[in-house]
Amino acid sequence: MTAEQTQVLWQQQRDEVVARMTAGGGVAGLATPEQIHGKTGMQIMQAMLAGEMPYPHIADTLDFSLVEVSEGRAVFQGIPQLKHYNPLGTVHGGWYATLLDSALGCAVHTMMPVGRGYTTAELGMNIVRAASFKTGPLRAIGTVIHCGRQMATAEARIVGPDGKLYAHATTTCLVFELK
């Protein structure tokens, strides 16, 4: 498959996911304790994709969205916009970091049993190629390396439709009992 074909496929997938999320009533917001109660992390992520639970406000702010989840894996897609540039005329590192942190955290989230939560304790990131508003869609693909009772680790990469690497990151998350 060519980079152009992959780009078209990615955009179609994102458009379908966003349409499904909004058709199900999904909006940016905060989940209520009642929406989360009794659900595994995977069930929560699937409910978000179905529009049954709100997605995070940061997705609107930074123009990216969750496009798929499976056990130990989460994929986000976004296109950097001019509003994400720093004063030097390049995409701000925070855009890359937030996209990567979202993929990393949500990959870990898919592994959480009922009543367990997590928080990012450490995030390490490397930007290896500049992106721009002309780059087109980029995907952050996060995968869990280890998930235990108290700690989880994951890695993620931002790639273009041509397979080029733009950034990569690792995280350590603290896992805890929800109250």
C-alpha atoms as a PDB file:
ATOM      1  CA  MET A   1       0.000   0.000   0.000  1.00  0.00           C
ATOM      2  CA  THR A   2       1.371   3.428  -0.911  1.00  0.00           C
ATOM      3  CA  ALA A   3       1.665   6.307   1.548  1.00  0.00           C
ATOM      4  CA  GLU A   4      -1.164   8.089  -0.282  1.00  0.00           C
ATOM      5  CA  GLN A   5      -3.441   5.046  -0.002  1.00  0.00           C
ATOM      6  CA  THR A   6      -2.576   4.677   3.691  1.00  0.00           C
ATOM      7  CA  GLN A   7      -3.324   8.362   4.266  1.00  0.00           C
ATOM      8  CA  VAL A   8      -6.766   8.001   2.636  1.00  0.00           C
ATOM      9  CA  LEU A   9      -7.472   4.859   4.685  1.00  0.00           C
ATOM     10  CA  TRP A  10      -6.380   6.587   7.921  1.00  0.00           C
ATOM     11  CA  GLN A  11      -8.580   9.598   7.228  1.00  0.00           C
ATOM     12  CA  GLN A  12     -11.567   7.392   6.421  1.00  0.00           C
ATOM     13  CA  GLN A  13     -11.051   5.443   9.648  1.00  0.00           C
ATOM     14  CA  ARG A  14     -10.780   8.638  11.716  1.00  0.00           C
ATOM     15  CA  ASP A  15     -13.882  10.127  10.067  1.00  0.00           C
ATOM     16  CA  GLU A  16     -15.854   6.927  10.786  1.00  0.00           C
ATOM     17  CA  VAL A  17     -14.733   6.858  14.429  1.00  0.00           C
ATOM     18  CA  VAL A  18     -15.538  10.547  14.995  1.00  0.00           C
ATOM     19  CA  ALA A  19     -18.961  10.107  13.320  1.00  0.00           C
ATOM     20  CA  ARG A  20     -19.694   7.064  15.510  1.00  0.00           C
ATOM     21  CA  MET A  21     -18.556   8.869  18.663  1.00  0.00           C
ATOM     22  CA  THR A  22     -20.689  11.935  18.014  1.00  0.00           C
ATOM     23  CA  ALA A  23     -23.707   9.943  16.759  1.00  0.00           C
ATOM     24  CA  GLY A  24     -23.636   8.067  20.055  1.00  0.00           C
ATOM     25  CA  GLY A  25     -23.830  11.394  21.872  1.00  0.00           C
ATOM     26  CA  GLY A  26     -20.107  11.608  22.582  1.00  0.00           C
ATOM     27  CA  VAL A  27     -18.814  15.049  23.480  1.00  0.00           C
ATOM     28  CA  ALA A  28     -15.719  16.399  25.162  1.00  0.00           C
ATOM     29  CA  GLY A  29     -16.096  16.245  28.907  1.00  0.00           C
ATOM     30  CA  LEU A  30     -15.512  14.290  32.081  1.00  0.00           C
ATOM     31  CA  ALA A  31     -16.911  10.834  32.799  1.00  0.00           C
ATOM     32  CA  THR A  32     -19.034  10.540  35.903  1.00  0.00           C
ATOM     33  CA  PRO A  33     -18.268   7.950  38.595  1.00  0.00           C
ATOM     34  CA  GLU A  34     -21.503   6.191  37.589  1.00  0.00           C
ATOM     35  CA  GLN A  35     -20.292   5.859  33.978  1.00  0.00           C
ATOM     36  CA  ILE A  36     -17.021   4.279  35.108  1.00  0.00           C
ATOM     37  CA  HIS A  37     -18.285   2.100  37.960  1.00  0.00           C
ATOM     38  CA  GLY A  38     -18.036  -1.638  37.305  1.00  0.00           C
ATOM     39  CA  LYS A  39     -16.197  -1.259  34.000  1.00  0.00           C
ATOM     40  CA  THR A  40     -12.738  -2.451  33.016  1.00  0.00           C
ATOM     41  CA  GLY A  41     -10.369  -0.006  31.354  1.00  0.00           C
ATOM     42  CA  MET A  42     -11.052  -1.682  28.007  1.00  0.00           C
ATOM     43  CA  GLN A  43     -14.815  -1.287  28.475  1.00  0.00           C
ATOM     44  CA  ILE A  44     -14.308   2.408  29.272  1.00  0.00           C
ATOM     45  CA  MET A  45     -12.177   2.947  26.162  1.00  0.00           C
ATOM     46  CA  GLN A  46     -14.702   1.085  23.986  1.00  0.00           C
ATOM     47  CA  ALA A  47     -17.557   3.163  25.458  1.00  0.00           C
ATOM     48  CA  MET A  48     -15.618   6.314  24.564  1.00  0.00           C
ATOM     49  CA  LEU A  49     -15.186   5.107  20.966  1.00  0.00           C
ATOM     50  CA  ALA A  50     -18.915   4.337  20.805  1.00  0.00           C
ATOM     51  CA  GLY A  51     -19.838   7.831  22.007  1.00  0.00           C
ATOM     52  CA  GLU A  52     -21.338   6.450  25.225  1.00  0.00           C
ATOM     53  CA  MET A  53     -18.788   8.243  27.388  1.00  0.00           C
ATOM     54  CA  PRO A  54     -17.142  11.645  26.942  1.00  0.00           C
ATOM     55  CA  TYR A  55     -13.747  11.957  25.329  1.00  0.00           C
ATOM     56  CA  PRO A  56     -11.130  14.346  26.795  1.00  0.00           C
ATOM     57  CA  HIS A  57     -11.240  18.089  26.030  1.00  0.00           C
ATOM     58  CA  ILE A  58      -7.553  18.008  25.052  1.00  0.00           C
ATOM     59  CA  ALA A  59      -8.519  16.049  21.914  1.00  0.00           C
ATOM     60  CA  ASP A  60     -10.470  19.082  20.676  1.00  0.00           C
ATOM     61  CA  THR A  61      -7.784  21.526  21.785  1.00  0.00           C
ATOM     62  CA  LEU A  62      -4.965  19.737  19.959  1.00  0.00           C
ATOM     63  CA  ASP A  63      -7.022  18.331  17.045  1.00  0.00           C
ATOM     64  CA  PHE A  64      -6.463  14.628  17.584  1.00  0.00           C
ATOM     65  CA  SER A  65      -8.656  11.653  18.354  1.00  0.00           C
ATOM     66  CA  LEU A  66      -8.584   8.090  19.525  1.00  0.00           C
ATOM     67  CA  VAL A  67      -9.086   5.835  16.499  1.00  0.00           C
ATOM     68  CA  GLU A  68      -8.675   2.312  17.857  1.00  0.00           C
ATOM     69  CA  VAL A  69      -8.018   0.261  20.982  1.00  0.00           C
ATOM     70  CA  SER A  70      -7.265  -3.365  21.729  1.00  0.00           C
ATOM     71  CA  GLU A  71      -5.786  -5.064  24.762  1.00  0.00           C
ATOM     72  CA  GLY A  72      -2.520  -3.298  25.578  1.00  0.00           C
ATOM     73  CA  ARG A  73      -2.717  -1.019  22.529  1.00  0.00           C
ATOM     74  CA  ALA A  74      -4.166   2.417  21.703  1.00  0.00           C
ATOM     75  CA  VAL A  75      -3.911   4.469  18.519  1.00  0.00           C
ATOM     76  CA  PHE A  76      -4.486   8.225  18.248  1.00  0.00           C
ATOM     77  CA  GLN A  77      -4.448  10.303  15.065  1.00  0.00           C
ATOM     78  CA  GLY A  78      -3.885  13.999  14.589  1.00  0.00           C
ATOM     79  CA  ILE A  79      -2.653  16.642  12.190  1.00  0.00           C
ATOM     80  CA  PRO A  80      -0.573  19.467  13.652  1.00  0.00           C
ATOM     81  CA  GLN A  81      -2.098  22.854  12.862  1.00  0.00           C
ATOM     82  CA  LEU A  82      -0.559  26.337  12.748  1.00  0.00           C
ATOM     83  CA  LYS A  83      -2.108  26.990  16.166  1.00  0.00           C
ATOM     84  CA  HIS A  84       0.175  24.234  17.533  1.00  0.00           C
ATOM     85  CA  TYR A  85       3.363  26.012  16.417  1.00  0.00           C
ATOM     86  CA  ASN A  86       5.850  27.701  18.701  1.00  0.00           C
ATOM     87  CA  PRO A  87       7.156  31.225  17.948  1.00  0.00           C
ATOM     88  CA  LEU A  88      10.070  29.750  15.963  1.00  0.00           C
ATOM     89  CA  GLY A  89       7.677  28.303  13.379  1.00  0.00           C
ATOM     90  CA  THR A  90       7.779  24.609  14.314  1.00  0.00           C
ATOM     91  CA  VAL A  91       5.272  22.296  15.964  1.00  0.00           C
ATOM     92  CA  HIS A  92       5.506  22.753  19.721  1.00  0.00           C
ATOM     93  CA  GLY A  93       6.981  19.784  21.582  1.00  0.00           C
ATOM     94  CA  GLY A  94       3.892  19.719  23.767  1.00  0.00           C
ATOM     95  CA  TRP A  95       1.795  18.611  20.789  1.00  0.00           C
ATOM     96  CA  TYR A  96       4.012  15.549  20.271  1.00  0.00           C
ATOM     97  CA  ALA A  97       4.177  14.886  24.025  1.00  0.00           C
ATOM     98  CA  THR A  98       0.402  15.043  24.499  1.00  0.00           C
ATOM     99  CA  LEU A  99      -0.302  12.790  21.518  1.00  0.00           C
ATOM    100  CA  LEU A 100       2.281  10.264  22.767  1.00  0.00           C
ATOM    101  CA  ASP A 101       1.140  10.476  26.406  1.00  0.00           C
ATOM    102  CA  SER A 102      -2.446   9.856  25.286  1.00  0.00           C
ATOM    103  CA  ALA A 103      -1.482   6.726  23.332  1.00  0.00           C
ATOM    104  CA  LEU A 104       0.725   5.478  26.163  1.00  0.00           C
ATOM    105  CA  GLY A 105      -1.810   6.094  28.917  1.00  0.00           C
ATOM    106  CA  CYS A 106      -4.761   4.688  27.012  1.00  0.00           C
ATOM    107  CA  ALA A 107      -2.787   1.545  26.101  1.00  0.00           C
ATOM    108  CA  VAL A 108      -2.215   1.067  29.846  1.00  0.00           C
ATOM    109  CA  HIS A 109      -5.875   1.920  30.509  1.00  0.00           C
ATOM    110  CA  THR A 110      -6.989  -1.023  28.350  1.00  0.00           C
ATOM    111  CA  MET A 111      -5.228  -3.342  30.807  1.00  0.00           C
ATOM    112  CA  MET A 112      -6.938  -2.035  33.959  1.00  0.00           C
ATOM    113  CA  PRO A 113      -9.344  -4.410  35.700  1.00  0.00           C
ATOM    114  CA  VAL A 114     -12.515  -3.105  37.356  1.00  0.00           C
ATOM    115  CA  GLY A 115     -11.650  -0.772  40.241  1.00  0.00           C
ATOM    116  CA  ARG A 116      -8.060  -0.047  39.174  1.00  0.00           C
ATOM    117  CA  GLY A 117      -6.681   3.202  37.772  1.00  0.00           C
ATOM    118  CA  TYR A 118      -3.328   4.641  36.767  1.00  0.00           C
ATOM    119  CA  THR A 119      -1.440   7.881  36.417  1.00  0.00           C
ATOM    120  CA  THR A 120       1.660   8.820  34.457  1.00  0.00           C
ATOM    121  CA  ALA A 121       4.689   8.935  36.752  1.00  0.00           C
ATOM    122  CA  GLU A 122       7.349   9.397  34.067  1.00  0.00           C
ATOM    123  CA  LEU A 123       7.326  10.318  30.396  1.00  0.00           C
ATOM    124  CA  GLY A 124      10.428  10.287  28.216  1.00  0.00           C
ATOM    125  CA  MET A 125      10.166  11.549  24.648  1.00  0.00           C
ATOM    126  CA  ASN A 126      12.381  12.023  21.600  1.00  0.00           C
ATOM    127  CA  ILE A 127      11.362  14.022  18.530  1.00  0.00           C
ATOM    128  CA  VAL A 128      13.318  12.716  15.553  1.00  0.00           C
ATOM    129  CA  ARG A 129      11.614  14.460  12.608  1.00  0.00           C
ATOM    130  CA  ALA A 130       9.796  17.760  12.286  1.00  0.00           C
ATOM    131  CA  ALA A 131       6.082  17.668  11.504  1.00  0.00           C
ATOM    132  CA  SER A 132       4.051  20.518  10.074  1.00  0.00           C
ATOM    133  CA  PHE A 133       0.506  21.318   9.040  1.00  0.00           C
ATOM    134  CA  LYS A 134       1.551  20.023   5.584  1.00  0.00           C
ATOM    135  CA  THR A 135       2.583  16.619   6.947  1.00  0.00           C
ATOM    136  CA  GLY A 136      -0.923  15.219   6.925  1.00  0.00           C
ATOM    137  CA  PRO A 137      -2.214  12.753   9.491  1.00  0.00           C
ATOM    138  CA  LEU A 138       0.167  11.293  12.027  1.00  0.00           C
ATOM    139  CA  ARG A 139      -0.546   8.352  14.294  1.00  0.00           C
ATOM    140  CA  ALA A 140       0.660   7.718  17.816  1.00  0.00           C
ATOM    141  CA  ILE A 141       0.643   3.998  18.463  1.00  0.00           C
ATOM    142  CA  GLY A 142       1.037   3.003  22.104  1.00  0.00           C
ATOM    143  CA  THR A 143       1.710  -0.521  23.354  1.00  0.00           C
ATOM    144  CA  VAL A 144       2.059  -1.875  26.869  1.00  0.00           C
ATOM    145  CA  ILE A 145       5.374  -3.501  27.763  1.00  0.00           C
ATOM    146  CA  HIS A 146       4.448  -4.536  31.318  1.00  0.00           C
ATOM    147  CA  CYS A 147       1.346  -4.146  33.458  1.00  0.00           C
ATOM    148  CA  GLY A 148       1.428  -5.225  37.084  1.00  0.00           C
ATOM    149  CA  ARG A 149      -0.525  -4.458  40.264  1.00  0.00           C
ATOM    150  CA  GLN A 150       1.492  -1.329  41.101  1.00  0.00           C
ATOM    151  CA  MET A 151       3.324  -0.293  37.938  1.00  0.00           C
ATOM    152  CA  ALA A 152       2.924  -0.369  34.180  1.00  0.00           C
ATOM    153  CA  THR A 153       5.315   0.563  31.380  1.00  0.00           C
ATOM    154  CA  ALA A 154       4.536   1.308  27.754  1.00  0.00           C
ATOM    155  CA  GLU A 155       6.124   2.629  24.574  1.00  0.00           C
ATOM    156  CA  ALA A 156       4.702   4.670  21.699  1.00  0.00           C
ATOM    157  CA  ARG A 157       5.738   5.981  18.313  1.00  0.00           C
ATOM    158  CA  ILE A 158       4.371   8.759  16.128  1.00  0.00           C
ATOM    159  CA  VAL A 159       4.508   7.679  12.490  1.00  0.00           C
ATOM    160  CA  GLY A 160       3.330   9.039   9.176  1.00  0.00           C
ATOM    161  CA  PRO A 161       1.384   7.107   6.521  1.00  0.00           C
ATOM    162  CA  ASP A 162       4.698   6.427   4.794  1.00  0.00           C
ATOM    163  CA  GLY A 163       6.006   4.694   7.934  1.00  0.00           C
ATOM    164  CA  LYS A 164       8.451   7.492   8.781  1.00  0.00           C
ATOM    165  CA  LEU A 165       9.099   7.951  12.492  1.00  0.00           C
ATOM    166  CA  TYR A 166       8.476  11.446  13.905  1.00  0.00           C
ATOM    167  CA  ALA A 167       8.807  10.822  17.644  1.00  0.00           C
ATOM    168  CA  HIS A 168       8.903   8.033  20.200  1.00  0.00           C
ATOM    169  CA  ALA A 169       8.339   7.810  23.923  1.00  0.00           C
ATOM    170  CA  THR A 170       8.203   5.573  26.966  1.00  0.00           C
ATOM    171  CA  THR A 171       6.225   5.881  30.168  1.00  0.00           C
ATOM    172  CA  THR A 172       6.052   4.481  33.649  1.00  0.00           C
ATOM    173  CA  CYS A 173       2.593   4.589  35.197  1.00  0.00           C
ATOM    174  CA  LEU A 174       1.593   4.052  38.804  1.00  0.00           C
ATOM    175  CA  VAL A 175      -1.322   1.635  39.135  1.00  0.00           C
ATOM    176  CA  PHE A 176      -3.668   1.992  42.111  1.00  0.00           C
ATOM    177  CA  GLU A 177      -7.048   1.103  43.582  1.00  0.00           C
ATOM    178  CA  LEU A 178      -9.852   3.543  42.685  1.00  0.00           C
ATOM    179  CA  LYS A 179     -11.939   4.809  45.589  1.00  0.00           C
END
